[in-house]
């Protein structure tokens, strides 16, 4: 049986490895703190082909009757901005990326919590532009003994998903703006000197020609032929 992993599952691996422990781990909770800030500097950065990254802090949290986002012991908006600072890394000489929060909400209906987070990243370099939107949802059903703890746990779950979804959208829809890590090229091989040309093998001396028998000289004209 062949095991096939989706791209989202592949992007989940660094988070799962960090959660299980490894060379780099998530920061430990502060002493005496039940709700530590959610930070993601221990995850691999997403290198973007821009010079700087800006945050547009214009989002106003909802204030509906069922809205519970204000009960979170950590600020969800600041948590999303912190994720952008931790994960997005500019590496180019020009261009700008702008990160903004579109939605951050956790509502309660009896013993059910429903949460949604959505962010947008716009990139621009001259006439080249693009954007992605990452959106995640989560819910909790069951008895809620501590509203603050339940809201915090739901936010933590959605932030875990958001790290994966944002990277997936960037690598899928803004491929040209994401710089993939590549191995540094090694030194060019030096040219080896050409081997000396082989000397021609000496040709054996030709054997001397055998002397040819000289043709007999004709007898002198005045010598009479021998008598029988």
Protein backbone atom coordinates (compact mmCIF):
# COMPACT_ATOMS: atom_id res chain seq x y z
CA UNK A 1 0.00 0.00 0.00
CA UNK A 2 1.38 3.43 -1.01
CA UNK A 3 1.01 6.27 1.51
CA UNK A 4 0.25 9.60 -0.14
CA UNK A 5 0.65 12.82 1.81
CA UNK A 6 -1.15 16.01 0.90
CA UNK A 7 0.84 19.22 0.75
CA UNK A 8 -0.89 20.48 3.88
CA UNK A 9 0.16 17.29 5.68
CA UNK A 10 3.76 17.88 4.62
CA UNK A 11 3.65 21.42 5.98
CA UNK A 12 2.22 20.08 9.24
CA UNK A 13 5.32 18.00 9.93
CA UNK A 14 7.53 20.81 11.37
CA UNK A 15 4.76 21.75 13.80
CA UNK A 16 4.21 18.16 14.83
CA UNK A 17 7.93 17.55 15.29
CA UNK A 18 8.26 20.69 17.37
CA UNK A 19 5.31 19.61 19.49
CA UNK A 20 6.91 16.21 20.08
CA UNK A 21 10.29 17.73 20.92
CA UNK A 22 13.39 18.12 18.83
CA UNK A 23 16.29 20.42 18.27
CA UNK A 24 13.98 23.42 18.56
CA UNK A 25 10.93 23.46 20.74
CA UNK A 26 8.10 25.84 21.45
CA UNK A 27 8.87 28.27 24.26
CA UNK A 28 7.96 26.94 27.69
CA UNK A 29 5.10 28.57 29.61
CA UNK A 30 6.10 31.39 31.90
CA UNK A 31 6.35 30.56 35.57
CA UNK A 32 2.93 30.87 37.17
CA UNK A 33 1.24 31.53 33.82
CA UNK A 34 -1.56 29.23 32.69
CA UNK A 35 -1.94 30.95 29.31
CA UNK A 36 1.48 31.63 27.76
CA UNK A 37 1.71 33.83 24.65
CA UNK A 38 1.49 31.91 21.39
CA UNK A 39 4.73 32.39 19.47
CA UNK A 40 6.16 30.57 16.43
CA UNK A 41 9.78 31.60 16.12
CA UNK A 42 10.81 27.96 16.58
CA UNK A 43 9.27 27.10 13.17
CA UNK A 44 11.18 27.47 9.88
CA UNK A 45 10.77 30.98 8.43
CA UNK A 46 8.97 31.55 5.15
CA UNK A 47 11.41 33.57 3.05
CA UNK A 48 9.68 36.09 0.81
CA UNK A 49 11.07 37.81 -2.25
CA UNK A 50 10.45 41.31 -0.82
CA UNK A 51 12.52 43.91 1.00
CA UNK A 52 10.18 44.62 3.92
CA UNK A 53 7.00 43.35 5.57
CA UNK A 54 4.38 45.72 6.91
CA UNK A 55 1.31 45.13 9.09
CA UNK A 56 -1.94 46.96 8.50
CA UNK A 57 -3.45 47.23 11.96
CA UNK A 58 -6.95 48.30 11.04
CA UNK A 59 -9.00 45.33 12.25
CA UNK A 60 -11.62 46.02 14.90
CA UNK A 61 -12.78 42.95 16.88
CA UNK A 62 -16.52 42.21 16.68
CA UNK A 63 -18.72 43.08 19.65
CA UNK A 64 -21.77 40.92 18.98
CA UNK A 65 -23.76 39.49 21.87
CA UNK A 66 -22.40 35.98 21.33
CA UNK A 67 -18.84 37.12 20.73
CA UNK A 68 -16.27 35.59 23.12
CA UNK A 69 -13.02 36.70 21.48
CA UNK A 70 -12.60 39.37 24.15
CA UNK A 71 -12.44 36.68 26.84
CA UNK A 72 -9.21 35.27 25.43
CA UNK A 73 -6.39 35.57 28.00
CA UNK A 74 -4.03 36.42 25.11
CA UNK A 75 -4.86 39.01 22.48
CA UNK A 76 -5.76 37.08 19.28
CA UNK A 77 -4.99 40.04 17.02
CA UNK A 78 -1.53 40.52 18.52
CA UNK A 79 -1.03 36.75 18.24
CA UNK A 80 -1.71 36.86 14.48
CA UNK A 81 0.68 39.79 14.04
CA UNK A 82 3.30 37.95 16.08
CA UNK A 83 2.92 34.93 13.83
CA UNK A 84 3.61 37.13 10.80
CA UNK A 85 6.75 38.52 12.47
CA UNK A 86 7.93 35.04 13.48
CA UNK A 87 7.29 33.28 10.18
CA UNK A 88 7.61 35.83 7.35
CA UNK A 89 11.16 36.85 6.49
CA UNK A 90 12.07 39.38 3.75
CA UNK A 91 15.20 38.48 1.79
CA UNK A 92 15.12 40.62 -1.39
CA UNK A 93 16.37 44.09 -2.31
CA UNK A 94 12.97 45.49 -3.34
CA UNK A 95 9.27 44.88 -2.89
CA UNK A 96 6.80 45.07 -0.02
CA UNK A 97 4.47 42.58 1.68
CA UNK A 98 1.52 43.80 3.73
CA UNK A 99 -0.10 41.54 6.33
CA UNK A 100 -3.59 42.25 7.61
CA UNK A 101 -6.20 40.52 9.74
CA UNK A 102 -9.57 40.00 8.06
CA UNK A 103 -11.47 38.08 10.73
CA UNK A 104 -10.91 36.96 14.31
CA UNK A 105 -14.00 35.66 16.06
CA UNK A 106 -15.06 33.07 18.64
CA UNK A 107 -18.76 32.85 19.36
CA UNK A 108 -20.61 30.80 21.97
CA UNK A 109 -24.01 29.17 21.78
CA UNK A 110 -24.75 27.20 24.93
CA UNK A 111 -21.80 24.77 25.29
CA UNK A 112 -20.52 25.16 21.74
CA UNK A 113 -17.75 27.51 20.67
CA UNK A 114 -17.21 28.35 17.00
CA UNK A 115 -14.06 30.12 15.93
CA UNK A 116 -12.76 31.59 12.67
CA UNK A 117 -9.54 33.36 11.75
CA UNK A 118 -8.69 34.90 8.39
CA UNK A 119 -5.67 36.89 7.22
CA UNK A 120 -4.50 38.36 3.94
CA UNK A 121 -1.00 39.00 2.60
CA UNK A 122 -0.48 41.40 -0.33
CA UNK A 123 2.84 41.55 -2.19
CA UNK A 124 4.02 44.29 -4.53
CA UNK A 125 7.20 45.03 -6.42
CA UNK A 126 6.70 47.68 -9.07
CA UNK A 127 3.97 46.46 -11.41
CA UNK A 128 4.14 42.92 -10.04
CA UNK A 129 1.45 42.27 -7.45
CA UNK A 130 -0.33 39.37 -5.81
CA UNK A 131 -2.14 38.30 -2.67
CA UNK A 132 -3.32 35.28 -0.72
CA UNK A 133 -6.03 34.76 1.88
CA UNK A 134 -5.70 32.09 4.59
CA UNK A 135 -8.81 31.12 6.57
CA UNK A 136 -9.25 28.48 9.28
CA UNK A 137 -12.13 27.40 11.52
CA UNK A 138 -12.53 25.28 14.66
CA UNK A 139 -15.21 24.46 17.20
CA UNK A 140 -15.59 23.05 20.68
CA UNK A 141 -18.60 21.15 21.96
CA UNK A 142 -19.09 20.02 25.54
CA UNK A 143 -19.22 21.35 29.02
CA UNK A 144 -17.27 24.58 29.47
CA UNK A 145 -15.97 24.84 33.02
CA UNK A 146 -13.67 27.79 32.29
CA UNK A 147 -14.60 30.17 29.52
CA UNK A 148 -11.14 31.73 29.40
CA UNK A 149 -9.45 28.34 29.13
CA UNK A 150 -11.89 27.13 26.46
CA UNK A 151 -11.40 30.28 24.35
CA UNK A 152 -7.61 30.04 24.75
CA UNK A 153 -7.55 26.38 23.69
CA UNK A 154 -9.71 27.09 20.64
CA UNK A 155 -7.49 30.01 19.64
CA UNK A 156 -4.38 27.85 20.05
CA UNK A 157 -5.91 25.20 17.79
CA UNK A 158 -6.78 27.73 15.11
CA UNK A 159 -3.32 29.32 15.25
CA UNK A 160 -1.79 25.89 14.74
CA UNK A 161 -3.95 25.50 11.63
CA UNK A 162 -3.23 29.05 10.46
CA UNK A 163 0.52 28.44 10.39
CA UNK A 164 -0.06 25.55 8.01
CA UNK A 165 -2.74 27.23 5.88
CA UNK A 166 -0.84 30.48 5.37
CA UNK A 167 2.31 28.67 4.24
CA UNK A 168 0.26 26.40 1.97
CA UNK A 169 -1.45 29.36 0.29
CA UNK A 170 1.85 31.19 -0.17
CA UNK A 171 3.63 28.23 -1.72
CA UNK A 172 0.64 27.34 -3.86
CA UNK A 173 -0.47 30.76 -5.16
CA UNK A 174 2.60 32.98 -4.79
CA UNK A 175 5.33 30.57 -5.83
CA UNK A 176 7.45 33.27 -7.45
CA UNK A 177 7.45 35.27 -4.20
CA UNK A 178 8.64 32.41 -1.96
CA UNK A 179 12.37 31.73 -1.85
CA UNK A 180 13.07 28.05 -1.36
CA UNK A 181 16.14 27.01 0.59
CA UNK A 182 18.80 25.65 -1.74
CA UNK A 183 22.15 24.08 -1.04
CA UNK A 184 25.04 26.46 -1.50
CA UNK A 185 27.04 25.66 -4.60
CA UNK A 186 30.42 24.14 -3.91
CA UNK A 187 33.69 25.41 -5.42
CA UNK A 188 34.05 24.91 -9.11
CA UNK A 189 36.30 21.99 -9.94
CA UNK A 190 39.76 23.07 -11.05
CA UNK A 191 40.92 22.10 -14.50
CA UNK A 192 43.45 19.32 -14.49
CA UNK A 193 46.53 19.72 -16.70
CA UNK A 194 46.35 17.71 -19.86
CA UNK A 195 48.65 14.69 -19.90
CA UNK A 196 51.74 15.05 -22.13
CA UNK A 197 51.31 13.84 -25.65
CA UNK A 198 52.60 10.34 -26.16
CA UNK A 199 55.83 10.15 -28.08
CA UNK A 200 55.62 8.16 -31.29
CA UNK A 201 57.10 4.71 -30.98
CA UNK A 202 60.43 4.34 -32.80
CA UNK A 203 60.13 2.69 -36.16
CA UNK A 204 62.42 -0.35 -36.49
CA UNK A 205 65.21 0.12 -39.03
CA UNK A 206 64.40 -1.45 -42.35
CA UNK A 207 66.60 -4.45 -43.07
CA UNK A 208 69.27 -3.77 -45.67
CA UNK A 209 68.23 -4.71 -49.14
CA UNK A 210 69.83 -7.91 -50.40
CA UNK A 211 72.28 -7.21 -53.17
CA UNK A 212 70.98 -8.28 -56.53
CA UNK A 213 73.19 -10.45 -58.72
CA UNK A 214 74.73 -8.39 -61.40
CA UNK A 215 73.88 -9.41 -64.94
CA UNK A 216 76.83 -11.15 -66.67
CA UNK A 217 78.77 -8.87 -68.90
CA UNK A 218 78.70 -9.79 -72.58
CA UNK A 219 81.98 -11.31 -73.82
CA UNK A 220 84.31 -9.03 -75.80
CA UNK A 221 83.57 -8.94 -79.51
CA UNK A 222 87.09 -10.05 -80.53
CA UNK A 223 87.17 -13.17 -78.42
CA UNK A 224 86.23 -16.21 -80.56
CA UNK A 225 83.64 -18.50 -79.14
CA UNK A 226 84.99 -21.63 -77.47
CA UNK A 227 85.55 -24.67 -79.69
CA UNK A 228 83.57 -27.80 -79.07
